[in-house]
Amino acid sequence: MRTSARYAGAAAVLAAALLVSGCGGDGGSGEPEPKPSAEQTAEPTGDPGDEAATGGVNGTWSAEGGGKAMVLSISGDQAALLGETTCTGTADTGADPVTFALKCTDGSTDRTKGTVKSVKGESLTVIWESGTTDTFTKVEVPEVSTEIPEIGDLPSDLPSGLEFPTE
């Protein structure tokens, strides 16, 4: 169990990094996407008790499928599924229900098209087009600092006049 938790934690960090870096591209034409105005707000849809309808799927989730650890990471309209293979693509969090369209690096299609069946607290259930159903558990990913630490003042007595060989 500890090994699965370690793999899930490592995969969660990797998935978060993939999503933050934008790995996988947007599949678009290269044109910049229009930015939403300050007045635009998201309108919740569906049953207020079902977080899937209001974007409650965002975050990192872990599960075991076929005895193998998997991590599903969702950030806005991007999704990544890490396990025996790596799948990246889109999450339509504005849809009711939320859907996924992923492409796997090894060409597998078992978990490429999925629909969120339910989100209840720390549990997310996804039904894949292949007929597989996975129930994921929310994973708390520790925050990583992006600040560069101060190094203080550099010493003023550094060597000078050094010559380096040029060949």
N, C-alpha and C. Protein backbone atom coordinates (compact mmCIF):
# COMPACT_ATOMS: atom_id res chain seq x y z
N MET A 1 0.82 -1.19 0.00
CA MET A 1 0.00 0.00 0.00
C MET A 1 0.87 1.26 0.00
N ARG A 2 1.98 1.22 0.78
CA ARG A 2 2.86 2.37 0.82
C ARG A 2 3.46 2.67 -0.54
N THR A 3 3.84 1.62 -1.26
CA THR A 3 4.42 1.81 -2.58
C THR A 3 3.41 2.46 -3.51
N SER A 4 2.15 2.02 -3.46
CA SER A 4 1.11 2.64 -4.30
C SER A 4 0.95 4.10 -3.95
N ALA A 5 0.98 4.43 -2.66
CA ALA A 5 0.83 5.82 -2.24
C ALA A 5 2.01 6.66 -2.74
N ARG A 6 3.23 6.09 -2.68
CA ARG A 6 4.39 6.81 -3.17
C ARG A 6 4.29 7.06 -4.66
N TYR A 7 3.90 6.01 -5.41
CA TYR A 7 3.74 6.18 -6.86
C TYR A 7 2.65 7.20 -7.17
N ALA A 8 1.56 7.14 -6.44
CA ALA A 8 0.47 8.09 -6.67
C ALA A 8 0.93 9.50 -6.39
N GLY A 9 1.68 9.69 -5.30
CA GLY A 9 2.19 11.03 -4.97
C GLY A 9 3.14 11.55 -6.03
N ALA A 10 4.06 10.71 -6.47
CA ALA A 10 5.02 11.12 -7.50
C ALA A 10 4.30 11.41 -8.81
N ALA A 11 3.35 10.58 -9.15
CA ALA A 11 2.60 10.79 -10.39
C ALA A 11 1.75 12.05 -10.30
N ALA A 12 1.23 12.35 -9.11
CA ALA A 12 0.43 13.56 -8.94
C ALA A 12 1.27 14.80 -9.19
N VAL A 13 2.48 14.81 -8.67
CA VAL A 13 3.37 15.95 -8.89
C VAL A 13 3.72 16.06 -10.37
N LEU A 14 3.99 14.92 -11.02
CA LEU A 14 4.30 14.93 -12.45
C LEU A 14 3.10 15.42 -13.26
N ALA A 15 1.92 14.95 -12.93
CA ALA A 15 0.72 15.37 -13.65
C ALA A 15 0.50 16.87 -13.48
N ALA A 16 0.68 17.36 -12.27
CA ALA A 16 0.51 18.80 -12.03
C ALA A 16 1.53 19.59 -12.86
N ALA A 17 2.76 19.10 -12.93
CA ALA A 17 3.79 19.78 -13.72
C ALA A 17 3.42 19.78 -15.20
N LEU A 18 2.91 18.66 -15.70
CA LEU A 18 2.49 18.59 -17.10
C LEU A 18 1.40 19.60 -17.40
N LEU A 19 0.43 19.69 -16.51
CA LEU A 19 -0.68 20.61 -16.74
C LEU A 19 -0.24 22.06 -16.63
N VAL A 20 0.60 22.37 -15.65
CA VAL A 20 1.05 23.74 -15.48
C VAL A 20 1.91 24.18 -16.65
N SER A 21 2.75 23.26 -17.17
CA SER A 21 3.63 23.61 -18.28
C SER A 21 2.89 23.63 -19.61
N GLY A 22 1.68 23.11 -19.65
CA GLY A 22 0.92 23.10 -20.89
C GLY A 22 1.35 22.00 -21.83
N CYS A 23 1.98 20.95 -21.32
CA CYS A 23 2.44 19.85 -22.14
C CYS A 23 1.28 19.25 -22.93
N GLY A 24 1.52 18.98 -24.18
CA GLY A 24 0.48 18.38 -25.00
C GLY A 24 -0.10 19.36 -25.98
N GLY A 25 0.14 20.65 -25.79
CA GLY A 25 -0.35 21.65 -26.72
C GLY A 25 -1.84 21.84 -26.62
N ASP A 26 -2.33 22.86 -27.36
CA ASP A 26 -3.75 23.13 -27.31
C ASP A 26 -4.48 22.61 -28.54
N GLY A 27 -3.72 22.08 -29.50
CA GLY A 27 -4.33 21.52 -30.69
C GLY A 27 -4.97 22.58 -31.56
N GLY A 28 -4.67 23.83 -31.29
CA GLY A 28 -5.30 24.92 -32.02
C GLY A 28 -4.50 25.35 -33.23
N SER A 29 -4.90 26.49 -33.77
CA SER A 29 -4.30 27.00 -34.99
C SER A 29 -3.10 27.89 -34.73
N GLY A 30 -2.72 28.08 -33.49
CA GLY A 30 -1.63 28.97 -33.17
C GLY A 30 -2.11 30.37 -32.85
N GLU A 31 -3.39 30.63 -33.07
CA GLU A 31 -3.96 31.93 -32.75
C GLU A 31 -4.15 32.03 -31.24
N PRO A 32 -3.88 33.20 -30.65
CA PRO A 32 -4.11 33.33 -29.21
C PRO A 32 -5.59 33.23 -28.89
N GLU A 33 -5.87 32.60 -27.75
CA GLU A 33 -7.26 32.47 -27.34
C GLU A 33 -7.72 33.78 -26.73
N PRO A 34 -8.97 34.16 -26.96
CA PRO A 34 -9.46 35.40 -26.37
C PRO A 34 -9.51 35.27 -24.85
N LYS A 35 -9.14 36.34 -24.17
CA LYS A 35 -9.16 36.36 -22.71
C LYS A 35 -10.55 36.79 -22.25
N PRO A 36 -11.08 36.14 -21.19
CA PRO A 36 -12.39 36.53 -20.68
C PRO A 36 -12.32 37.91 -20.05
N SER A 37 -13.41 38.64 -20.18
CA SER A 37 -13.45 39.97 -19.57
C SER A 37 -13.72 39.85 -18.08
N ALA A 38 -13.47 40.93 -17.36
CA ALA A 38 -13.66 40.92 -15.90
C ALA A 38 -15.13 40.72 -15.54
N GLU A 39 -16.03 41.09 -16.44
CA GLU A 39 -17.46 40.96 -16.13
C GLU A 39 -17.99 39.55 -16.31
N GLN A 40 -17.28 38.69 -17.05
CA GLN A 40 -17.76 37.34 -17.29
C GLN A 40 -17.64 36.51 -16.03
N THR A 41 -18.71 35.79 -15.71
CA THR A 41 -18.68 34.89 -14.56
C THR A 41 -19.25 33.55 -14.98
N ALA A 42 -18.82 32.51 -14.31
CA ALA A 42 -19.34 31.18 -14.60
C ALA A 42 -20.70 31.02 -13.94
N GLU A 43 -21.64 30.50 -14.68
CA GLU A 43 -22.97 30.22 -14.15
C GLU A 43 -23.05 28.76 -13.78
N PRO A 44 -23.28 28.43 -12.53
CA PRO A 44 -23.42 27.03 -12.16
C PRO A 44 -24.63 26.40 -12.84
N THR A 45 -24.47 25.12 -13.23
CA THR A 45 -25.57 24.40 -13.84
C THR A 45 -25.79 23.11 -13.10
N GLY A 46 -26.90 22.49 -13.30
CA GLY A 46 -27.15 21.17 -12.73
C GLY A 46 -27.51 21.22 -11.26
N ASP A 47 -27.49 20.07 -10.65
CA ASP A 47 -27.83 19.89 -9.25
C ASP A 47 -26.73 20.48 -8.37
N PRO A 48 -27.06 21.43 -7.46
CA PRO A 48 -26.04 22.03 -6.62
C PRO A 48 -25.28 21.02 -5.78
N GLY A 49 -25.85 19.86 -5.52
CA GLY A 49 -25.18 18.84 -4.73
C GLY A 49 -24.16 18.07 -5.52
N ASP A 50 -24.15 18.22 -6.84
CA ASP A 50 -23.22 17.48 -7.68
C ASP A 50 -22.11 18.42 -8.13
N GLU A 51 -20.95 18.33 -7.49
CA GLU A 51 -19.85 19.23 -7.78
C GLU A 51 -19.36 19.13 -9.21
N ALA A 52 -19.60 18.02 -9.90
CA ALA A 52 -19.11 17.85 -11.27
C ALA A 52 -19.68 18.91 -12.18
N ALA A 53 -20.88 19.37 -11.92
CA ALA A 53 -21.53 20.35 -12.78
C ALA A 53 -20.91 21.73 -12.61
N THR A 54 -20.27 22.00 -11.49
CA THR A 54 -19.72 23.33 -11.25
C THR A 54 -18.20 23.35 -11.28
N GLY A 55 -17.57 22.36 -11.88
CA GLY A 55 -16.12 22.35 -11.99
C GLY A 55 -15.43 21.78 -10.78
N GLY A 56 -16.15 21.06 -9.91
CA GLY A 56 -15.56 20.47 -8.72
C GLY A 56 -14.61 19.34 -9.02
N VAL A 57 -14.34 19.07 -10.27
CA VAL A 57 -13.43 17.98 -10.63
C VAL A 57 -11.98 18.44 -10.66
N ASN A 58 -11.74 19.75 -10.65
CA ASN A 58 -10.37 20.25 -10.70
C ASN A 58 -9.55 19.73 -9.53
N GLY A 59 -8.33 19.31 -9.83
CA GLY A 59 -7.44 18.81 -8.79
C GLY A 59 -6.78 17.52 -9.23
N THR A 60 -6.20 16.83 -8.27
CA THR A 60 -5.50 15.59 -8.54
C THR A 60 -6.21 14.45 -7.83
N TRP A 61 -6.42 13.36 -8.56
CA TRP A 61 -7.19 12.21 -8.08
C TRP A 61 -6.38 10.94 -8.31
N SER A 62 -6.48 9.97 -7.41
CA SER A 62 -5.77 8.71 -7.61
C SER A 62 -6.74 7.54 -7.52
N ALA A 63 -6.38 6.46 -8.20
CA ALA A 63 -7.20 5.24 -8.19
C ALA A 63 -6.30 4.07 -8.54
N GLU A 64 -6.85 2.87 -8.39
CA GLU A 64 -6.18 1.67 -8.87
C GLU A 64 -7.08 1.04 -9.91
N GLY A 65 -6.52 0.82 -11.10
CA GLY A 65 -7.27 0.20 -12.18
C GLY A 65 -6.53 -1.04 -12.64
N GLY A 66 -7.15 -2.18 -12.53
CA GLY A 66 -6.49 -3.42 -12.91
C GLY A 66 -5.28 -3.71 -12.03
N GLY A 67 -5.34 -3.25 -10.77
CA GLY A 67 -4.23 -3.48 -9.84
C GLY A 67 -3.08 -2.51 -10.01
N LYS A 68 -3.21 -1.53 -10.89
CA LYS A 68 -2.15 -0.55 -11.15
C LYS A 68 -2.60 0.83 -10.68
N ALA A 69 -1.66 1.57 -10.08
CA ALA A 69 -1.96 2.92 -9.62
C ALA A 69 -2.13 3.86 -10.81
N MET A 70 -3.12 4.76 -10.71
CA MET A 70 -3.37 5.77 -11.73
C MET A 70 -3.58 7.11 -11.05
N VAL A 71 -3.21 8.17 -11.74
CA VAL A 71 -3.46 9.52 -11.25
C VAL A 71 -4.13 10.30 -12.36
N LEU A 72 -5.23 10.95 -12.03
CA LEU A 72 -5.95 11.82 -12.96
C LEU A 72 -5.80 13.23 -12.43
N SER A 73 -5.21 14.11 -13.23
CA SER A 73 -5.01 15.49 -12.81
C SER A 73 -5.78 16.39 -13.76
N ILE A 74 -6.61 17.27 -13.19
CA ILE A 74 -7.47 18.14 -13.98
C ILE A 74 -7.23 19.57 -13.55
N SER A 75 -6.95 20.44 -14.51
CA SER A 75 -6.74 21.85 -14.23
C SER A 75 -7.41 22.65 -15.34
N GLY A 76 -8.56 23.22 -15.01
CA GLY A 76 -9.31 23.98 -16.02
C GLY A 76 -9.75 23.08 -17.15
N ASP A 77 -9.29 23.39 -18.37
CA ASP A 77 -9.70 22.58 -19.53
C ASP A 77 -8.64 21.56 -19.93
N GLN A 78 -7.65 21.32 -19.08
CA GLN A 78 -6.59 20.35 -19.36
C GLN A 78 -6.70 19.16 -18.42
N ALA A 79 -6.38 17.97 -18.93
CA ALA A 79 -6.42 16.77 -18.10
C ALA A 79 -5.25 15.86 -18.47
N ALA A 80 -4.77 15.13 -17.47
CA ALA A 80 -3.71 14.14 -17.69
C ALA A 80 -4.02 12.92 -16.86
N LEU A 81 -3.86 11.75 -17.45
CA LEU A 81 -4.04 10.48 -16.76
C LEU A 81 -2.72 9.75 -16.84
N LEU A 82 -2.15 9.45 -15.66
CA LEU A 82 -0.86 8.79 -15.59
C LEU A 82 -1.02 7.45 -14.92
N GLY A 83 -0.43 6.44 -15.51
CA GLY A 83 -0.48 5.09 -14.97
C GLY A 83 0.52 4.27 -15.73
N GLU A 84 0.07 3.17 -16.33
CA GLU A 84 0.98 2.38 -17.17
C GLU A 84 1.36 3.16 -18.42
N THR A 85 0.54 4.10 -18.81
CA THR A 85 0.81 4.98 -19.93
C THR A 85 0.48 6.40 -19.52
N THR A 86 0.85 7.35 -20.34
CA THR A 86 0.54 8.75 -20.08
C THR A 86 -0.46 9.22 -21.12
N CYS A 87 -1.57 9.77 -20.66
CA CYS A 87 -2.60 10.29 -21.55
C CYS A 87 -2.83 11.75 -21.19
N THR A 88 -2.86 12.61 -22.19
CA THR A 88 -3.13 14.03 -21.95
C THR A 88 -4.20 14.49 -22.93
N GLY A 89 -4.88 15.56 -22.55
CA GLY A 89 -5.91 16.09 -23.43
C GLY A 89 -6.75 17.13 -22.72
N THR A 90 -8.04 17.11 -23.05
CA THR A 90 -8.92 18.16 -22.54
C THR A 90 -9.97 17.61 -21.59
N ALA A 91 -10.43 18.53 -20.74
CA ALA A 91 -11.54 18.27 -19.84
C ALA A 91 -12.57 19.35 -20.12
N ASP A 92 -13.77 18.96 -20.47
CA ASP A 92 -14.84 19.94 -20.69
C ASP A 92 -15.58 20.12 -19.38
N THR A 93 -15.03 20.99 -18.51
CA THR A 93 -15.62 21.19 -17.19
C THR A 93 -16.87 22.06 -17.25
N GLY A 94 -17.14 22.65 -18.41
CA GLY A 94 -18.36 23.43 -18.58
C GLY A 94 -19.55 22.56 -18.98
N ALA A 95 -19.27 21.32 -19.36
CA ALA A 95 -20.34 20.40 -19.78
C ALA A 95 -21.01 19.79 -18.56
N ASP A 96 -22.22 19.36 -18.74
CA ASP A 96 -22.94 18.67 -17.67
C ASP A 96 -23.49 17.38 -18.25
N PRO A 97 -22.83 16.25 -18.05
CA PRO A 97 -21.71 16.01 -17.14
C PRO A 97 -20.37 16.39 -17.77
N VAL A 98 -19.34 16.51 -16.92
CA VAL A 98 -17.98 16.80 -17.36
C VAL A 98 -17.47 15.64 -18.20
N THR A 99 -16.77 15.95 -19.30
CA THR A 99 -16.23 14.90 -20.18
C THR A 99 -14.73 15.10 -20.39
N PHE A 100 -14.06 14.00 -20.76
CA PHE A 100 -12.63 14.01 -21.04
C PHE A 100 -12.39 13.49 -22.45
N ALA A 101 -11.43 14.09 -23.14
CA ALA A 101 -10.96 13.60 -24.44
C ALA A 101 -9.44 13.57 -24.36
N LEU A 102 -8.89 12.36 -24.19
CA LEU A 102 -7.45 12.20 -23.98
C LEU A 102 -6.81 11.42 -25.12
N LYS A 103 -5.51 11.59 -25.27
CA LYS A 103 -4.73 10.82 -26.23
C LYS A 103 -3.55 10.23 -25.47
N CYS A 104 -3.37 8.91 -25.60
CA CYS A 104 -2.33 8.21 -24.85
C CYS A 104 -1.08 8.03 -25.70
N THR A 105 0.08 8.14 -25.05
CA THR A 105 1.36 8.05 -25.76
C THR A 105 1.59 6.70 -26.39
N ASP A 106 1.02 5.64 -25.82
CA ASP A 106 1.22 4.30 -26.39
C ASP A 106 0.12 3.89 -27.36
N GLY A 107 -0.82 4.80 -27.64
CA GLY A 107 -1.89 4.51 -28.58
C GLY A 107 -3.08 3.78 -27.98
N SER A 108 -3.03 3.44 -26.69
CA SER A 108 -4.16 2.73 -26.07
C SER A 108 -5.39 3.63 -26.04
N THR A 109 -6.57 3.00 -26.05
CA THR A 109 -7.82 3.75 -26.09
C THR A 109 -8.77 3.39 -24.94
N ASP A 110 -8.30 2.59 -23.98
CA ASP A 110 -9.17 2.17 -22.87
C ASP A 110 -9.71 3.33 -22.05
N ARG A 111 -8.90 4.37 -21.89
CA ARG A 111 -9.30 5.50 -21.04
C ARG A 111 -9.03 6.82 -21.76
N THR A 112 -9.59 6.96 -22.96
CA THR A 112 -9.39 8.20 -23.71
C THR A 112 -10.64 9.08 -23.73
N LYS A 113 -11.80 8.48 -23.79
CA LYS A 113 -13.06 9.24 -23.78
C LYS A 113 -13.80 8.86 -22.51
N GLY A 114 -14.00 9.85 -21.63
CA GLY A 114 -14.64 9.55 -20.36
C GLY A 114 -15.68 10.58 -19.98
N THR A 115 -16.60 10.16 -19.13
CA THR A 115 -17.66 11.01 -18.62
C THR A 115 -17.72 10.87 -17.11
N VAL A 116 -17.79 12.00 -16.41
CA VAL A 116 -17.90 11.96 -14.96
C VAL A 116 -19.30 11.51 -14.60
N LYS A 117 -19.37 10.41 -13.87
CA LYS A 117 -20.66 9.90 -13.40
C LYS A 117 -21.07 10.62 -12.13
N SER A 118 -20.10 10.83 -11.21
CA SER A 118 -20.42 11.54 -9.97
C SER A 118 -19.17 12.10 -9.31
N VAL A 119 -19.38 13.16 -8.55
CA VAL A 119 -18.36 13.73 -7.68
C VAL A 119 -19.04 13.94 -6.35
N LYS A 120 -18.59 13.22 -5.36
CA LYS A 120 -19.16 13.32 -4.02
C LYS A 120 -18.01 13.48 -3.05
N GLY A 121 -17.82 14.68 -2.52
CA GLY A 121 -16.75 14.93 -1.56
C GLY A 121 -15.39 14.62 -2.15
N GLU A 122 -14.73 13.61 -1.61
CA GLU A 122 -13.38 13.23 -2.03
C GLU A 122 -13.38 12.11 -3.06
N SER A 123 -14.53 11.82 -3.68
CA SER A 123 -14.65 10.69 -4.60
C SER A 123 -15.15 11.16 -5.97
N LEU A 124 -14.47 10.71 -7.03
CA LEU A 124 -14.81 11.05 -8.41
C LEU A 124 -14.93 9.75 -9.19
N THR A 125 -16.09 9.51 -9.81
CA THR A 125 -16.29 8.30 -10.60
C THR A 125 -16.38 8.68 -12.07
N VAL A 126 -15.54 8.01 -12.89
CA VAL A 126 -15.50 8.26 -14.33
C VAL A 126 -15.86 6.98 -15.06
N ILE A 127 -16.78 7.10 -16.03
CA ILE A 127 -17.13 5.98 -16.90
C ILE A 127 -16.45 6.25 -18.24
N TRP A 128 -15.61 5.30 -18.67
CA TRP A 128 -14.88 5.44 -19.92
C TRP A 128 -15.66 4.79 -21.05
N GLU A 129 -15.49 5.31 -22.26
CA GLU A 129 -16.19 4.79 -23.44
C GLU A 129 -15.94 3.30 -23.64
N SER A 130 -14.80 2.80 -23.16
CA SER A 130 -14.45 1.38 -23.30
C SER A 130 -15.30 0.49 -22.41
N GLY A 131 -16.08 1.10 -21.49
CA GLY A 131 -16.91 0.33 -20.57
C GLY A 131 -16.31 0.23 -19.17
N THR A 132 -15.07 0.66 -19.02
CA THR A 132 -14.39 0.64 -17.72
C THR A 132 -14.92 1.78 -16.85
N THR A 133 -15.09 1.51 -15.56
CA THR A 133 -15.47 2.54 -14.60
C THR A 133 -14.38 2.62 -13.55
N ASP A 134 -13.88 3.83 -13.28
CA ASP A 134 -12.86 4.05 -12.26
C ASP A 134 -13.39 5.02 -11.21
N THR A 135 -13.12 4.72 -9.95
CA THR A 135 -13.46 5.63 -8.86
C THR A 135 -12.16 6.15 -8.27
N PHE A 136 -11.98 7.46 -8.37
CA PHE A 136 -10.76 8.13 -7.92
C PHE A 136 -11.00 8.79 -6.57
N THR A 137 -9.93 8.94 -5.80
CA THR A 137 -9.96 9.62 -4.52
C THR A 137 -9.09 10.87 -4.62
N LYS A 138 -9.59 11.98 -4.09
CA LYS A 138 -8.88 13.26 -4.14
C LYS A 138 -7.54 13.15 -3.43
N VAL A 139 -6.49 13.69 -4.06
CA VAL A 139 -5.15 13.69 -3.49
C VAL A 139 -4.77 15.14 -3.20
N GLU A 140 -4.31 15.39 -1.99
CA GLU A 140 -3.83 16.73 -1.66
C GLU A 140 -2.38 16.83 -2.11
N VAL A 141 -2.12 17.71 -3.07
CA VAL A 141 -0.77 17.91 -3.58
C VAL A 141 -0.16 19.08 -2.83
N PRO A 142 1.02 18.87 -2.22
CA PRO A 142 1.63 19.97 -1.47
C PRO A 142 1.99 21.12 -2.40
N GLU A 143 1.85 22.33 -1.88
CA GLU A 143 2.20 23.50 -2.65
C GLU A 143 3.71 23.60 -2.77
N VAL A 144 4.19 23.92 -3.96
CA VAL A 144 5.62 24.06 -4.19
C VAL A 144 5.91 25.53 -4.41
N SER A 145 6.88 26.04 -3.68
CA SER A 145 7.25 27.45 -3.79
C SER A 145 7.92 27.71 -5.13
N THR A 146 7.54 28.81 -5.76
CA THR A 146 8.17 29.20 -7.01
C THR A 146 9.04 30.44 -6.82
N GLU A 147 9.18 30.88 -5.58
CA GLU A 147 9.99 32.06 -5.29
C GLU A 147 11.46 31.69 -5.28
N ILE A 148 12.28 32.60 -5.79
CA ILE A 148 13.73 32.41 -5.76
C ILE A 148 14.23 32.99 -4.44
N PRO A 149 14.97 32.20 -3.67
CA PRO A 149 15.43 32.70 -2.38
C PRO A 149 16.47 33.81 -2.54
N GLU A 150 16.51 34.71 -1.57
CA GLU A 150 17.51 35.77 -1.54
C GLU A 150 18.86 35.14 -1.20
N ILE A 151 19.90 35.55 -1.89
CA ILE A 151 21.23 35.02 -1.59
C ILE A 151 22.06 35.99 -0.76
N GLY A 152 21.53 37.15 -0.51
CA GLY A 152 22.27 38.13 0.29
C GLY A 152 23.33 38.82 -0.53
N ASP A 153 24.18 39.58 0.17
CA ASP A 153 25.25 40.31 -0.50
C ASP A 153 26.39 39.36 -0.85
N LEU A 154 26.95 39.56 -2.04
CA LEU A 154 28.11 38.78 -2.45
C LEU A 154 29.36 39.37 -1.79
N PRO A 155 30.33 38.53 -1.51
CA PRO A 155 31.56 39.06 -0.91
C PRO A 155 32.25 40.02 -1.88
N SER A 156 32.87 41.05 -1.32
CA SER A 156 33.54 42.04 -2.17
C SER A 156 34.99 41.67 -2.46
N ASP A 157 35.51 40.64 -1.80
CA ASP A 157 36.91 40.27 -1.99
C ASP A 157 37.09 39.07 -2.92
N LEU A 158 36.29 39.01 -3.97
CA LEU A 158 36.41 37.92 -4.94
C LEU A 158 37.68 38.12 -5.77
N PRO A 159 38.32 37.04 -6.21
CA PRO A 159 39.53 37.18 -7.04
C PRO A 159 39.21 37.90 -8.35
N SER A 160 40.18 38.66 -8.82
CA SER A 160 40.00 39.35 -10.10
C SER A 160 41.26 39.14 -10.94
N GLY A 161 41.18 39.48 -12.20
CA GLY A 161 42.32 39.37 -13.09
C GLY A 161 42.68 37.94 -13.45
N LEU A 162 41.75 37.03 -13.37
CA LEU A 162 42.01 35.64 -13.71
C LEU A 162 42.06 35.49 -15.23
N GLU A 163 43.01 34.69 -15.71
CA GLU A 163 43.11 34.43 -17.14
C GLU A 163 42.77 32.97 -17.38
N PHE A 164 42.00 32.73 -18.41
CA PHE A 164 41.59 31.37 -18.76
C PHE A 164 42.25 30.98 -20.07
N PRO A 165 42.72 29.73 -20.17
CA PRO A 165 43.36 29.30 -21.42
C PRO A 165 42.37 29.35 -22.58
N THR A 166 42.83 29.76 -23.73
CA THR A 166 41.99 29.81 -24.94
C THR A 166 42.61 28.92 -26.00
N GLU A 167 42.03 27.83 -26.26
CA GLU A 167 42.49 26.92 -27.30
C GLU A 167 41.36 26.50 -28.16
